[in-house]
Amino acid sequence: MDHRTAPDDAPTPLVAPRRHRGVPAPLAALLVGAARPLFRVHLELYRREMASSIFPRDERAPLIAGPRPERLAFIGSVAVSGLGVLSHGMTTSSQTAARVADRRGRGLSWSELTSPVLTMHTAATMPSLTTEGADVVVVLLGIADVLAATSATSWEADLRLLVDRVRQEAGPEVGVVVAELPPMAEFRPIPPVARRLITAQIARLDAASRRVAADDDAVTVVPFPSWSLDGLYVQELFSWASMHRKWAEALAPGVVAALEAVDDRRAAPTRRHRAASALAGAVATELAGLASEVGAGDPAPVRRRARRRAARAAAGSLSAS
């Protein structure tokens, strides 16, 4: 794609967020379905806008040196492609990675699967997700899905498929962090009806993501940060660089928590093995000590003592683990 150049922090108008009454989910589904032709128009305009927008011109540098390096994989659209900035170091994905590496005190590398118009279905059905070796996969999709009027049912099914495919590539212990959608209706002035439809569509897709996370302990959903952006509202200018930074600030703690959960899942088999070994050793020691007592006195009390001591040894080993 041919991306035109402009200053790094190229500003675009931002309107102040407005309060909207929530649209009930069933009604929202009907309205979005009826408005599909309108959504298609907005999607085509979005595609044309992306073809002439500002994106990074430098080479990616997806590596942070450090001890015991970890690996992330980012799957996303404009947050990963870097809409509105000229350096890959300013993208949401790169800034998230830098914050995670700093918090963890470890090295970090990452992969990126991205296109400004990438949808959940397209990502889930790609031949490869480039997630091999990843400890955590971060998903930042949905903008194109909102404009394509993707149904919540389709989004949920494709997200579940994406998670399954991530596990096939990266392994069963991998964590998945799903970012909720940004408030697209606030990016530029649009008619009130379109604003409410887009806001309702965002809410539907975010709710579907939360359902997937509720069914899977390895999947977490991170809300989009507060849309205050240091008070830059009406009559002010909004920089995409600020959005990438704010989004990374919100995502990084969720990614760190996901990495900690991966550590716990990977350590669980080792803990179980150690507990089993300790149990077997304690029981064997008790039985060996009792062996010398056999033959002295009534064997029945000896057997009862053996059972009691073996039970105490087992309980002690389990509590210690």
C-alpha atoms as a PDB file:
ATOM      1  CA  MET A   1       0.000   0.000   0.000  1.00  0.00           C
ATOM      2  CA  ASP A   2       1.258   3.464  -0.880  1.00  0.00           C
ATOM      3  CA  HIS A   3       1.166   5.601   2.284  1.00  0.00           C
ATOM      4  CA  ARG A   4       1.629   9.321   1.873  1.00  0.00           C
ATOM      5  CA  THR A   5       3.935  11.146   4.221  1.00  0.00           C
ATOM      6  CA  ALA A   6       3.245  13.978   6.644  1.00  0.00           C
ATOM      7  CA  PRO A   7       4.623  15.279   9.961  1.00  0.00           C
ATOM      8  CA  ASP A   8       5.024  12.608  12.664  1.00  0.00           C
ATOM      9  CA  ASP A   9       2.288  13.935  14.908  1.00  0.00           C
ATOM     10  CA  ALA A  10      -0.152  14.845  12.138  1.00  0.00           C
ATOM     11  CA  PRO A  11      -3.297  16.278  13.801  1.00  0.00           C
ATOM     12  CA  THR A  12      -6.866  15.657  12.752  1.00  0.00           C
ATOM     13  CA  PRO A  13     -10.051  17.190  14.178  1.00  0.00           C
ATOM     14  CA  LEU A  14     -11.589  15.539  17.215  1.00  0.00           C
ATOM     15  CA  VAL A  15     -15.070  16.224  18.460  1.00  0.00           C
ATOM     16  CA  ALA A  16     -15.994  15.963  22.106  1.00  0.00           C
ATOM     17  CA  PRO A  17     -17.577  12.709  23.254  1.00  0.00           C
ATOM     18  CA  ARG A  18     -21.321  12.939  23.662  1.00  0.00           C
ATOM     19  CA  ARG A  19     -23.566  11.012  25.979  1.00  0.00           C
ATOM     20  CA  HIS A  20     -25.726   8.467  24.196  1.00  0.00           C
ATOM     21  CA  ARG A  21     -28.551   6.393  25.500  1.00  0.00           C
ATOM     22  CA  GLY A  22     -27.708   2.738  25.057  1.00  0.00           C
ATOM     23  CA  VAL A  23     -29.547   0.909  22.287  1.00  0.00           C
ATOM     24  CA  PRO A  24     -30.959  -2.470  23.432  1.00  0.00           C
ATOM     25  CA  ALA A  25     -29.027  -5.340  21.839  1.00  0.00           C
ATOM     26  CA  PRO A  26     -31.961  -6.845  19.870  1.00  0.00           C
ATOM     27  CA  LEU A  27     -32.925  -3.431  18.502  1.00  0.00           C
ATOM     28  CA  ALA A  28     -29.290  -2.646  17.710  1.00  0.00           C
ATOM     29  CA  ALA A  29     -29.004  -5.860  15.706  1.00  0.00           C
ATOM     30  CA  LEU A  30     -32.084  -4.958  13.676  1.00  0.00           C
ATOM     31  CA  LEU A  31     -30.932  -1.385  13.081  1.00  0.00           C
ATOM     32  CA  VAL A  32     -27.429  -2.423  12.045  1.00  0.00           C
ATOM     33  CA  GLY A  33     -28.852  -5.068   9.721  1.00  0.00           C
ATOM     34  CA  ALA A  34     -31.191  -2.565   8.107  1.00  0.00           C
ATOM     35  CA  ALA A  35     -28.367  -0.053   7.758  1.00  0.00           C
ATOM     36  CA  ARG A  36     -25.937  -2.440   6.049  1.00  0.00           C
ATOM     37  CA  PRO A  37     -25.972  -0.441   2.774  1.00  0.00           C
ATOM     38  CA  LEU A  38     -25.002   2.672   4.735  1.00  0.00           C
ATOM     39  CA  PHE A  39     -22.254   0.747   6.538  1.00  0.00           C
ATOM     40  CA  ARG A  40     -20.899  -0.477   3.187  1.00  0.00           C
ATOM     41  CA  VAL A  41     -20.589   3.115   2.024  1.00  0.00           C
ATOM     42  CA  HIS A  42     -18.649   4.020   5.176  1.00  0.00           C
ATOM     43  CA  LEU A  43     -16.446   0.929   4.752  1.00  0.00           C
ATOM     44  CA  GLU A  44     -15.539   1.898   1.193  1.00  0.00           C
ATOM     45  CA  LEU A  45     -14.760   5.450   2.303  1.00  0.00           C
ATOM     46  CA  TYR A  46     -12.619   4.018   5.097  1.00  0.00           C
ATOM     47  CA  ARG A  47     -10.666   1.838   2.641  1.00  0.00           C
ATOM     48  CA  ARG A  48      -9.979   4.846   0.437  1.00  0.00           C
ATOM     49  CA  GLU A  49      -8.933   6.920   3.425  1.00  0.00           C
ATOM     50  CA  MET A  50      -6.500   4.229   4.592  1.00  0.00           C
ATOM     51  CA  ALA A  51      -4.938   4.074   1.128  1.00  0.00           C
ATOM     52  CA  SER A  52      -3.887   7.719   1.439  1.00  0.00           C
ATOM     53  CA  SER A  53      -3.238   7.934   5.185  1.00  0.00           C
ATOM     54  CA  ILE A  54      -0.025   8.311   7.153  1.00  0.00           C
ATOM     55  CA  PHE A  55       1.783   5.142   8.253  1.00  0.00           C
ATOM     56  CA  PRO A  56       5.322   4.409   9.474  1.00  0.00           C
ATOM     57  CA  ARG A  57       8.049   4.633   6.847  1.00  0.00           C
ATOM     58  CA  ASP A  58      10.914   3.109   8.827  1.00  0.00           C
ATOM     59  CA  GLU A  59      11.815  -0.540   9.327  1.00  0.00           C
ATOM     60  CA  ARG A  60      10.223  -2.502  12.145  1.00  0.00           C
ATOM     61  CA  ALA A  61      12.514  -3.331  15.077  1.00  0.00           C
ATOM     62  CA  PRO A  62      10.538  -5.976  16.987  1.00  0.00           C
ATOM     63  CA  LEU A  63      13.228  -6.848  19.512  1.00  0.00           C
ATOM     64  CA  ILE A  64      14.143  -5.558  22.970  1.00  0.00           C
ATOM     65  CA  ALA A  65      17.348  -7.019  24.375  1.00  0.00           C
ATOM     66  CA  GLY A  66      17.296  -8.479  27.863  1.00  0.00           C
ATOM     67  CA  PRO A  67      17.559 -11.655  29.939  1.00  0.00           C
ATOM     68  CA  ARG A  68      15.188 -14.624  29.579  1.00  0.00           C
ATOM     69  CA  PRO A  69      13.436 -13.140  26.530  1.00  0.00           C
ATOM     70  CA  GLU A  70       9.703 -13.571  26.074  1.00  0.00           C
ATOM     71  CA  ARG A  71       7.656 -13.329  22.879  1.00  0.00           C
ATOM     72  CA  LEU A  72       4.411 -11.583  21.963  1.00  0.00           C
ATOM     73  CA  ALA A  73       2.349 -11.674  18.785  1.00  0.00           C
ATOM     74  CA  PHE A  74       0.121  -8.776  17.723  1.00  0.00           C
ATOM     75  CA  ILE A  75      -2.831  -9.280  15.377  1.00  0.00           C
ATOM     76  CA  GLY A  76      -4.555  -6.034  14.507  1.00  0.00           C
ATOM     77  CA  SER A  77      -5.426  -3.206  12.190  1.00  0.00           C
ATOM     78  CA  VAL A  78      -4.572   0.485  12.607  1.00  0.00           C
ATOM     79  CA  ALA A  79      -3.111   0.125  16.119  1.00  0.00           C
ATOM     80  CA  VAL A  80      -0.512  -2.308  14.781  1.00  0.00           C
ATOM     81  CA  SER A  81      -0.099  -0.793  11.311  1.00  0.00           C
ATOM     82  CA  GLY A  82       0.529   2.589  12.925  1.00  0.00           C
ATOM     83  CA  LEU A  83      -2.121   4.905  11.498  1.00  0.00           C
ATOM     84  CA  GLY A  84      -1.101   8.546  11.864  1.00  0.00           C
ATOM     85  CA  VAL A  85       2.582   8.107  12.843  1.00  0.00           C
ATOM     86  CA  LEU A  86       5.757   7.752  10.799  1.00  0.00           C
ATOM     87  CA  SER A  87       7.784   5.580  13.187  1.00  0.00           C
ATOM     88  CA  HIS A  88       7.030   1.966  14.097  1.00  0.00           C
ATOM     89  CA  GLY A  89       8.267   2.768  17.582  1.00  0.00           C
ATOM     90  CA  MET A  90       5.187   4.972  18.045  1.00  0.00           C
ATOM     91  CA  THR A  91       2.583   2.307  17.237  1.00  0.00           C
ATOM     92  CA  THR A  92       0.353   0.821  19.912  1.00  0.00           C
ATOM     93  CA  SER A  93       2.004  -2.570  19.500  1.00  0.00           C
ATOM     94  CA  SER A  94       5.594  -1.312  19.829  1.00  0.00           C
ATOM     95  CA  GLN A  95       4.789   0.901  22.820  1.00  0.00           C
ATOM     96  CA  THR A  96       2.907  -1.933  24.507  1.00  0.00           C
ATOM     97  CA  ALA A  97       5.886  -4.244  23.995  1.00  0.00           C
ATOM     98  CA  ALA A  98       8.296  -1.674  25.430  1.00  0.00           C
ATOM     99  CA  ARG A  99       6.164  -1.205  28.543  1.00  0.00           C
ATOM    100  CA  VAL A 100       5.779  -4.948  29.047  1.00  0.00           C
ATOM    101  CA  ALA A 101       9.531  -5.551  28.734  1.00  0.00           C
ATOM    102  CA  ASP A 102      10.183  -2.794  31.274  1.00  0.00           C
ATOM    103  CA  ARG A 103       7.600  -4.147  33.748  1.00  0.00           C
ATOM    104  CA  ARG A 104       8.849  -7.733  33.407  1.00  0.00           C
ATOM    105  CA  GLY A 105      12.546  -6.846  33.419  1.00  0.00           C
ATOM    106  CA  ARG A 106      13.107  -9.284  30.567  1.00  0.00           C
ATOM    107  CA  GLY A 107      13.957  -9.258  26.889  1.00  0.00           C
ATOM    108  CA  LEU A 108      11.111  -9.289  24.404  1.00  0.00           C
ATOM    109  CA  SER A 109      10.503  -9.993  20.733  1.00  0.00           C
ATOM    110  CA  TRP A 110       7.230  -9.852  18.850  1.00  0.00           C
ATOM    111  CA  SER A 111       5.537 -10.535  15.536  1.00  0.00           C
ATOM    112  CA  GLU A 112       2.857  -8.457  13.803  1.00  0.00           C
ATOM    113  CA  LEU A 113       0.036  -9.610  11.536  1.00  0.00           C
ATOM    114  CA  THR A 114      -1.603  -6.417  10.346  1.00  0.00           C
ATOM    115  CA  SER A 115      -3.513  -4.505   7.712  1.00  0.00           C
ATOM    116  CA  PRO A 116      -5.500  -1.285   8.211  1.00  0.00           C
ATOM    117  CA  VAL A 117      -8.615  -3.114   6.941  1.00  0.00           C
ATOM    118  CA  LEU A 118      -8.028  -6.482   8.652  1.00  0.00           C
ATOM    119  CA  THR A 119     -11.233  -8.113   9.936  1.00  0.00           C
ATOM    120  CA  MET A 120     -11.688 -10.812  12.551  1.00  0.00           C
ATOM    121  CA  HIS A 121     -12.798 -13.352   9.939  1.00  0.00           C
ATOM    122  CA  THR A 122      -9.863 -12.641   7.646  1.00  0.00           C
ATOM    123  CA  ALA A 123      -7.409 -12.966  10.535  1.00  0.00           C
ATOM    124  CA  ALA A 124      -8.982 -16.189  11.822  1.00  0.00           C
ATOM    125  CA  THR A 125      -8.762 -17.820   8.390  1.00  0.00           C
ATOM    126  CA  MET A 126      -5.237 -16.725   7.433  1.00  0.00           C
ATOM    127  CA  PRO A 127      -2.901 -19.600   6.449  1.00  0.00           C
ATOM    128  CA  SER A 128      -0.568 -18.549   9.275  1.00  0.00           C
ATOM    129  CA  LEU A 129      -1.018 -16.202  12.223  1.00  0.00           C
ATOM    130  CA  THR A 130       2.764 -15.880  12.780  1.00  0.00           C
ATOM    131  CA  THR A 131       2.231 -16.720  16.457  1.00  0.00           C
ATOM    132  CA  GLU A 132       4.684 -19.629  16.736  1.00  0.00           C
ATOM    133  CA  GLY A 133       6.601 -19.387  19.995  1.00  0.00           C
ATOM    134  CA  ALA A 134       4.427 -16.597  21.385  1.00  0.00           C
ATOM    135  CA  ASP A 135       3.742 -16.502  25.108  1.00  0.00           C
ATOM    136  CA  VAL A 136       0.829 -14.069  24.707  1.00  0.00           C
ATOM    137  CA  VAL A 137      -1.093 -12.978  21.600  1.00  0.00           C
ATOM    138  CA  VAL A 138      -2.657  -9.492  21.578  1.00  0.00           C
ATOM    139  CA  VAL A 139      -5.697  -8.956  19.329  1.00  0.00           C
ATOM    140  CA  LEU A 140      -6.543  -5.388  18.259  1.00  0.00           C
ATOM    141  CA  LEU A 141      -9.264  -5.838  15.658  1.00  0.00           C
ATOM    142  CA  GLY A 142     -12.766  -4.565  15.013  1.00  0.00           C
ATOM    143  CA  ILE A 143     -12.683  -1.217  13.234  1.00  0.00           C
ATOM    144  CA  ALA A 144     -13.265  -2.763   9.808  1.00  0.00           C
ATOM    145  CA  ASP A 145     -15.780  -5.179  11.369  1.00  0.00           C
ATOM    146  CA  VAL A 146     -17.837  -2.294  12.720  1.00  0.00           C
ATOM    147  CA  LEU A 147     -17.977  -0.702   9.270  1.00  0.00           C
ATOM    148  CA  ALA A 148     -18.689  -4.068   7.623  1.00  0.00           C
ATOM    149  CA  ALA A 149     -21.652  -4.512  10.016  1.00  0.00           C
ATOM    150  CA  THR A 150     -20.252  -7.858  11.184  1.00  0.00           C
ATOM    151  CA  SER A 151     -22.809  -9.587  13.392  1.00  0.00           C
ATOM    152  CA  ALA A 152     -21.990 -10.312  17.020  1.00  0.00           C
ATOM    153  CA  THR A 153     -22.569 -14.018  16.326  1.00  0.00           C
ATOM    154  CA  SER A 154     -20.029 -14.055  13.498  1.00  0.00           C
ATOM    155  CA  TRP A 155     -17.526 -12.028  15.512  1.00  0.00           C
ATOM    156  CA  GLU A 156     -17.796 -14.393  18.473  1.00  0.00           C
ATOM    157  CA  ALA A 157     -17.441 -17.507  16.297  1.00  0.00           C
ATOM    158  CA  ASP A 158     -14.426 -16.084  14.472  1.00  0.00           C
ATOM    159  CA  LEU A 159     -12.774 -14.974  17.717  1.00  0.00           C
ATOM    160  CA  ARG A 160     -13.182 -18.491  19.141  1.00  0.00           C
ATOM    161  CA  LEU A 161     -11.672 -19.883  15.933  1.00  0.00           C
ATOM    162  CA  LEU A 162      -8.802 -17.417  16.194  1.00  0.00           C
ATOM    163  CA  VAL A 163      -8.088 -18.491  19.786  1.00  0.00           C
ATOM    164  CA  ASP A 164      -8.115 -22.162  18.765  1.00  0.00           C
ATOM    165  CA  ARG A 165      -5.708 -21.484  15.903  1.00  0.00           C
ATOM    166  CA  VAL A 166      -3.423 -19.486  18.186  1.00  0.00           C
ATOM    167  CA  ARG A 167      -3.235 -22.485  20.513  1.00  0.00           C
ATOM    168  CA  GLN A 168      -2.425 -24.770  17.595  1.00  0.00           C
ATOM    169  CA  GLU A 169       0.468 -22.527  16.567  1.00  0.00           C
ATOM    170  CA  ALA A 170       1.774 -21.248  19.901  1.00  0.00           C
ATOM    171  CA  GLY A 171       0.891 -24.070  22.294  1.00  0.00           C
ATOM    172  CA  PRO A 172      -1.846 -24.825  24.840  1.00  0.00           C
ATOM    173  CA  GLU A 173      -0.495 -22.523  27.576  1.00  0.00           C
ATOM    174  CA  VAL A 174      -0.543 -19.361  25.425  1.00  0.00           C
ATOM    175  CA  GLY A 175      -2.512 -16.375  26.693  1.00  0.00           C
ATOM    176  CA  VAL A 176      -4.749 -14.193  24.520  1.00  0.00           C
ATOM    177  CA  VAL A 177      -5.485 -10.520  25.246  1.00  0.00           C
ATOM    178  CA  VAL A 178      -8.351  -8.951  23.279  1.00  0.00           C
ATOM    179  CA  ALA A 179      -8.545  -5.160  23.133  1.00  0.00           C
ATOM    180  CA  GLU A 180     -11.987  -3.590  23.138  1.00  0.00           C
ATOM    181  CA  LEU A 181     -12.757  -1.212  20.291  1.00  0.00           C
ATOM    182  CA  PRO A 182     -11.985   2.516  20.330  1.00  0.00           C
ATOM    183  CA  PRO A 183     -14.850   5.040  20.207  1.00  0.00           C
ATOM    184  CA  MET A 184     -14.863   5.342  16.424  1.00  0.00           C
ATOM    185  CA  ALA A 185     -17.952   7.529  16.439  1.00  0.00           C
ATOM    186  CA  GLU A 186     -15.880  10.270  18.104  1.00  0.00           C
ATOM    187  CA  PHE A 187     -13.052  10.325  15.560  1.00  0.00           C
ATOM    188  CA  ARG A 188     -14.758  12.861  13.302  1.00  0.00           C
ATOM    189  CA  PRO A 189     -18.109  14.658  12.967  1.00  0.00           C
ATOM    190  CA  ILE A 190     -20.776  12.290  11.638  1.00  0.00           C
ATOM    191  CA  PRO A 191     -24.600  12.452  11.593  1.00  0.00           C
ATOM    192  CA  PRO A 192     -26.283  11.531  14.900  1.00  0.00           C
ATOM    193  CA  VAL A 193     -27.998   8.459  13.427  1.00  0.00           C
ATOM    194  CA  ALA A 194     -24.710   7.065  12.117  1.00  0.00           C
ATOM    195  CA  ARG A 195     -23.068   7.892  15.440  1.00  0.00           C
ATOM    196  CA  ARG A 196     -25.623   5.869  17.390  1.00  0.00           C
ATOM    197  CA  LEU A 197     -25.435   2.939  14.977  1.00  0.00           C
ATOM    198  CA  ILE A 198     -21.648   2.771  15.166  1.00  0.00           C
ATOM    199  CA  THR A 199     -21.688   3.070  18.954  1.00  0.00           C
ATOM    200  CA  ALA A 200     -24.262   0.269  19.186  1.00  0.00           C
ATOM    201  CA  GLN A 201     -22.213  -1.933  16.854  1.00  0.00           C
ATOM    202  CA  ILE A 202     -19.086  -1.392  18.960  1.00  0.00           C
ATOM    203  CA  ALA A 203     -21.005  -2.376  22.096  1.00  0.00           C
ATOM    204  CA  ARG A 204     -22.266  -5.576  20.433  1.00  0.00           C
ATOM    205  CA  LEU A 205     -18.803  -6.709  19.354  1.00  0.00           C
ATOM    206  CA  ASP A 206     -17.230  -5.856  22.713  1.00  0.00           C
ATOM    207  CA  ALA A 207     -19.953  -7.849  24.492  1.00  0.00           C
ATOM    208  CA  ALA A 208     -19.225 -10.827  22.227  1.00  0.00           C
ATOM    209  CA  SER A 209     -15.519 -10.610  23.117  1.00  0.00           C
ATOM    210  CA  ARG A 210     -16.379 -10.618  26.811  1.00  0.00           C
ATOM    211  CA  ARG A 211     -18.484 -13.760  26.326  1.00  0.00           C
ATOM    212  CA  VAL A 212     -15.493 -15.547  24.831  1.00  0.00           C
ATOM    213  CA  ALA A 213     -13.312 -14.442  27.752  1.00  0.00           C
ATOM    214  CA  ALA A 214     -15.936 -15.599  30.258  1.00  0.00           C
ATOM    215  CA  ASP A 215     -15.706 -19.116  28.807  1.00  0.00           C
ATOM    216  CA  ASP A 216     -11.906 -19.295  28.617  1.00  0.00           C
ATOM    217  CA  ASP A 217      -9.542 -18.541  31.503  1.00  0.00           C
ATOM    218  CA  ALA A 218      -6.653 -17.928  29.091  1.00  0.00           C
ATOM    219  CA  VAL A 219      -8.508 -15.096  27.300  1.00  0.00           C
ATOM    220  CA  THR A 220      -8.764 -11.613  28.807  1.00  0.00           C
ATOM    221  CA  VAL A 221     -10.454  -8.469  27.484  1.00  0.00           C
ATOM    222  CA  VAL A 222      -8.948  -5.017  28.054  1.00  0.00           C
ATOM    223  CA  PRO A 223     -11.276  -1.984  27.786  1.00  0.00           C
ATOM    224  CA  PHE A 224     -10.274   0.991  25.665  1.00  0.00           C
ATOM    225  CA  PRO A 225      -8.873   3.754  27.914  1.00  0.00           C
ATOM    226  CA  SER A 226     -10.864   6.787  28.952  1.00  0.00           C
ATOM    227  CA  TRP A 227     -11.374   9.020  25.927  1.00  0.00           C
ATOM    228  CA  SER A 228     -10.265  12.225  27.615  1.00  0.00           C
ATOM    229  CA  LEU A 229      -6.839  12.537  25.962  1.00  0.00           C
ATOM    230  CA  ASP A 230      -5.698  15.254  28.338  1.00  0.00           C
ATOM    231  CA  GLY A 231      -8.719  17.432  27.651  1.00  0.00           C
ATOM    232  CA  LEU A 232      -8.253  17.856  23.877  1.00  0.00           C
ATOM    233  CA  TYR A 233     -11.837  18.125  22.704  1.00  0.00           C
ATOM    234  CA  VAL A 234     -13.801  20.530  20.513  1.00  0.00           C
ATOM    235  CA  GLN A 235     -11.800  23.172  18.628  1.00  0.00           C
ATOM    236  CA  GLU A 236      -8.617  21.313  19.542  1.00  0.00           C
ATOM    237  CA  LEU A 237      -6.500  18.948  17.489  1.00  0.00           C
ATOM    238  CA  PHE A 238      -6.167  15.242  18.115  1.00  0.00           C
ATOM    239  CA  SER A 239      -2.874  13.460  17.421  1.00  0.00           C
ATOM    240  CA  TRP A 240      -2.833   9.793  16.546  1.00  0.00           C
ATOM    241  CA  ALA A 241       0.446   9.565  18.443  1.00  0.00           C
ATOM    242  CA  SER A 242      -1.462  10.327  21.650  1.00  0.00           C
ATOM    243  CA  MET A 243      -4.007   7.627  20.879  1.00  0.00           C
ATOM    244  CA  HIS A 244      -1.310   5.000  20.314  1.00  0.00           C
ATOM    245  CA  ARG A 245       0.376   5.992  23.577  1.00  0.00           C
ATOM    246  CA  LYS A 246      -2.834   5.943  25.614  1.00  0.00           C
ATOM    247  CA  TRP A 247      -3.873   2.601  24.165  1.00  0.00           C
ATOM    248  CA  ALA A 248      -0.472   1.076  24.959  1.00  0.00           C
ATOM    249  CA  GLU A 249      -0.673   2.375  28.528  1.00  0.00           C
ATOM    250  CA  ALA A 250      -4.010   0.605  28.962  1.00  0.00           C
ATOM    251  CA  LEU A 251      -2.957  -2.632  27.270  1.00  0.00           C
ATOM    252  CA  ALA A 252       0.418  -3.214  28.916  1.00  0.00           C
ATOM    253  CA  PRO A 253      -0.866  -4.165  32.411  1.00  0.00           C
ATOM    254  CA  GLY A 254      -3.262  -6.681  30.848  1.00  0.00           C
ATOM    255  CA  VAL A 255      -0.450  -8.240  28.826  1.00  0.00           C
ATOM    256  CA  VAL A 256       1.781  -8.417  31.917  1.00  0.00           C
ATOM    257  CA  ALA A 257      -1.017 -10.158  33.838  1.00  0.00           C
ATOM    258  CA  ALA A 258      -1.489 -12.592  30.951  1.00  0.00           C
ATOM    259  CA  LEU A 259       2.236 -13.422  30.956  1.00  0.00           C
ATOM    260  CA  GLU A 260       2.102 -14.050  34.704  1.00  0.00           C
ATOM    261  CA  ALA A 261      -0.846 -16.399  34.176  1.00  0.00           C
ATOM    262  CA  VAL A 262       1.127 -18.234  31.470  1.00  0.00           C
ATOM    263  CA  ASP A 263       4.002 -18.640  33.948  1.00  0.00           C
ATOM    264  CA  ASP A 264       1.568 -20.181  36.444  1.00  0.00           C
ATOM    265  CA  ARG A 265       0.109 -22.590  33.878  1.00  0.00           C
ATOM    266  CA  ARG A 266       3.545 -23.726  32.794  1.00  0.00           C
ATOM    267  CA  ALA A 267       4.692 -24.178  36.384  1.00  0.00           C
ATOM    268  CA  ALA A 268       1.624 -26.197  37.425  1.00  0.00           C
ATOM    269  CA  PRO A 269       2.842 -29.586  36.043  1.00  0.00           C
ATOM    270  CA  THR A 270       6.201 -29.106  37.775  1.00  0.00           C
ATOM    271  CA  ARG A 271       4.475 -28.338  41.079  1.00  0.00           C
ATOM    272  CA  ARG A 272       2.267 -31.409  40.720  1.00  0.00           C
ATOM    273  CA  HIS A 273       5.273 -33.594  39.916  1.00  0.00           C
ATOM    274  CA  ARG A 274       7.168 -32.291  42.938  1.00  0.00           C
ATOM    275  CA  ALA A 275       4.157 -32.857  45.184  1.00  0.00           C
ATOM    276  CA  ALA A 276       3.751 -36.423  43.929  1.00  0.00           C
ATOM    277  CA  SER A 277       7.458 -37.120  44.401  1.00  0.00           C
ATOM    278  CA  ALA A 278       7.373 -35.694  47.923  1.00  0.00           C
ATOM    279  CA  LEU A 279       4.316 -37.797  48.745  1.00  0.00           C
ATOM    280  CA  ALA A 280       5.913 -40.985  47.468  1.00  0.00           C
ATOM    281  CA  GLY A 281       9.139 -40.253  49.334  1.00  0.00           C
ATOM    282  CA  ALA A 282       7.382 -39.508  52.621  1.00  0.00           C
ATOM    283  CA  VAL A 283       5.285 -42.661  52.465  1.00  0.00           C
ATOM    284  CA  ALA A 284       8.325 -44.777  51.560  1.00  0.00           C
ATOM    285  CA  THR A 285      10.281 -43.345  54.493  1.00  0.00           C
ATOM    286  CA  GLU A 286       7.490 -44.099  56.952  1.00  0.00           C
ATOM    287  CA  LEU A 287       7.052 -47.625  55.649  1.00  0.00           C
ATOM    288  CA  ALA A 288      10.786 -48.271  55.833  1.00  0.00           C
ATOM    289  CA  GLY A 289      10.825 -47.122  59.438  1.00  0.00           C
ATOM    290  CA  LEU A 290       7.979 -49.435  60.296  1.00  0.00           C
ATOM    291  CA  ALA A 291       9.558 -52.423  58.613  1.00  0.00           C
ATOM    292  CA  SER A 292      11.864 -52.894  61.577  1.00  0.00           C
ATOM    293  CA  GLU A 293       8.882 -53.084  63.900  1.00  0.00           C
ATOM    294  CA  VAL A 294       7.318 -55.988  62.043  1.00  0.00           C
ATOM    295  CA  GLY A 295       7.846 -59.223  63.913  1.00  0.00           C
ATOM    296  CA  ALA A 296       8.001 -57.502  67.295  1.00  0.00           C
ATOM    297  CA  GLY A 297       4.673 -57.818  69.065  1.00  0.00           C
ATOM    298  CA  ASP A 298       1.187 -58.166  67.583  1.00  0.00           C
ATOM    299  CA  PRO A 299       1.328 -57.349  63.812  1.00  0.00           C
ATOM    300  CA  ALA A 300      -2.208 -55.848  63.806  1.00  0.00           C
ATOM    301  CA  PRO A 301      -1.267 -52.739  65.874  1.00  0.00           C
ATOM    302  CA  VAL A 302       1.843 -52.373  63.725  1.00  0.00           C
ATOM    303  CA  ARG A 303      -0.262 -52.324  60.582  1.00  0.00           C
ATOM    304  CA  ARG A 304      -2.629 -49.768  62.123  1.00  0.00           C
ATOM    305  CA  ARG A 305       0.302 -47.536  63.099  1.00  0.00           C
ATOM    306  CA  ALA A 306       1.692 -47.911  59.590  1.00  0.00           C
ATOM    307  CA  ARG A 307      -1.550 -46.743  58.039  1.00  0.00           C
ATOM    308  CA  ARG A 308      -1.822 -43.766  60.407  1.00  0.00           C
ATOM    309  CA  ARG A 309       1.788 -42.688  59.874  1.00  0.00           C
ATOM    310  CA  ALA A 310       1.542 -43.089  56.117  1.00  0.00           C
ATOM    311  CA  ALA A 311      -1.620 -40.955  56.115  1.00  0.00           C
ATOM    312  CA  ARG A 312       0.109 -38.254  58.189  1.00  0.00           C
ATOM    313  CA  ALA A 313       3.090 -38.318  55.841  1.00  0.00           C
ATOM    314  CA  ALA A 314       0.821 -37.954  52.832  1.00  0.00           C
ATOM    315  CA  ALA A 315      -1.087 -35.067  54.404  1.00  0.00           C
ATOM    316  CA  GLY A 316       2.148 -33.311  55.312  1.00  0.00           C
ATOM    317  CA  SER A 317       3.529 -33.663  51.807  1.00  0.00           C
ATOM    318  CA  LEU A 318       0.342 -32.319  50.197  1.00  0.00           C
ATOM    319  CA  SER A 319       0.112 -29.342  52.547  1.00  0.00           C
ATOM    320  CA  ALA A 320       3.755 -28.482  51.915  1.00  0.00           C
ATOM    321  CA  SER A 321       3.161 -28.464  48.154  1.00  0.00           C
END
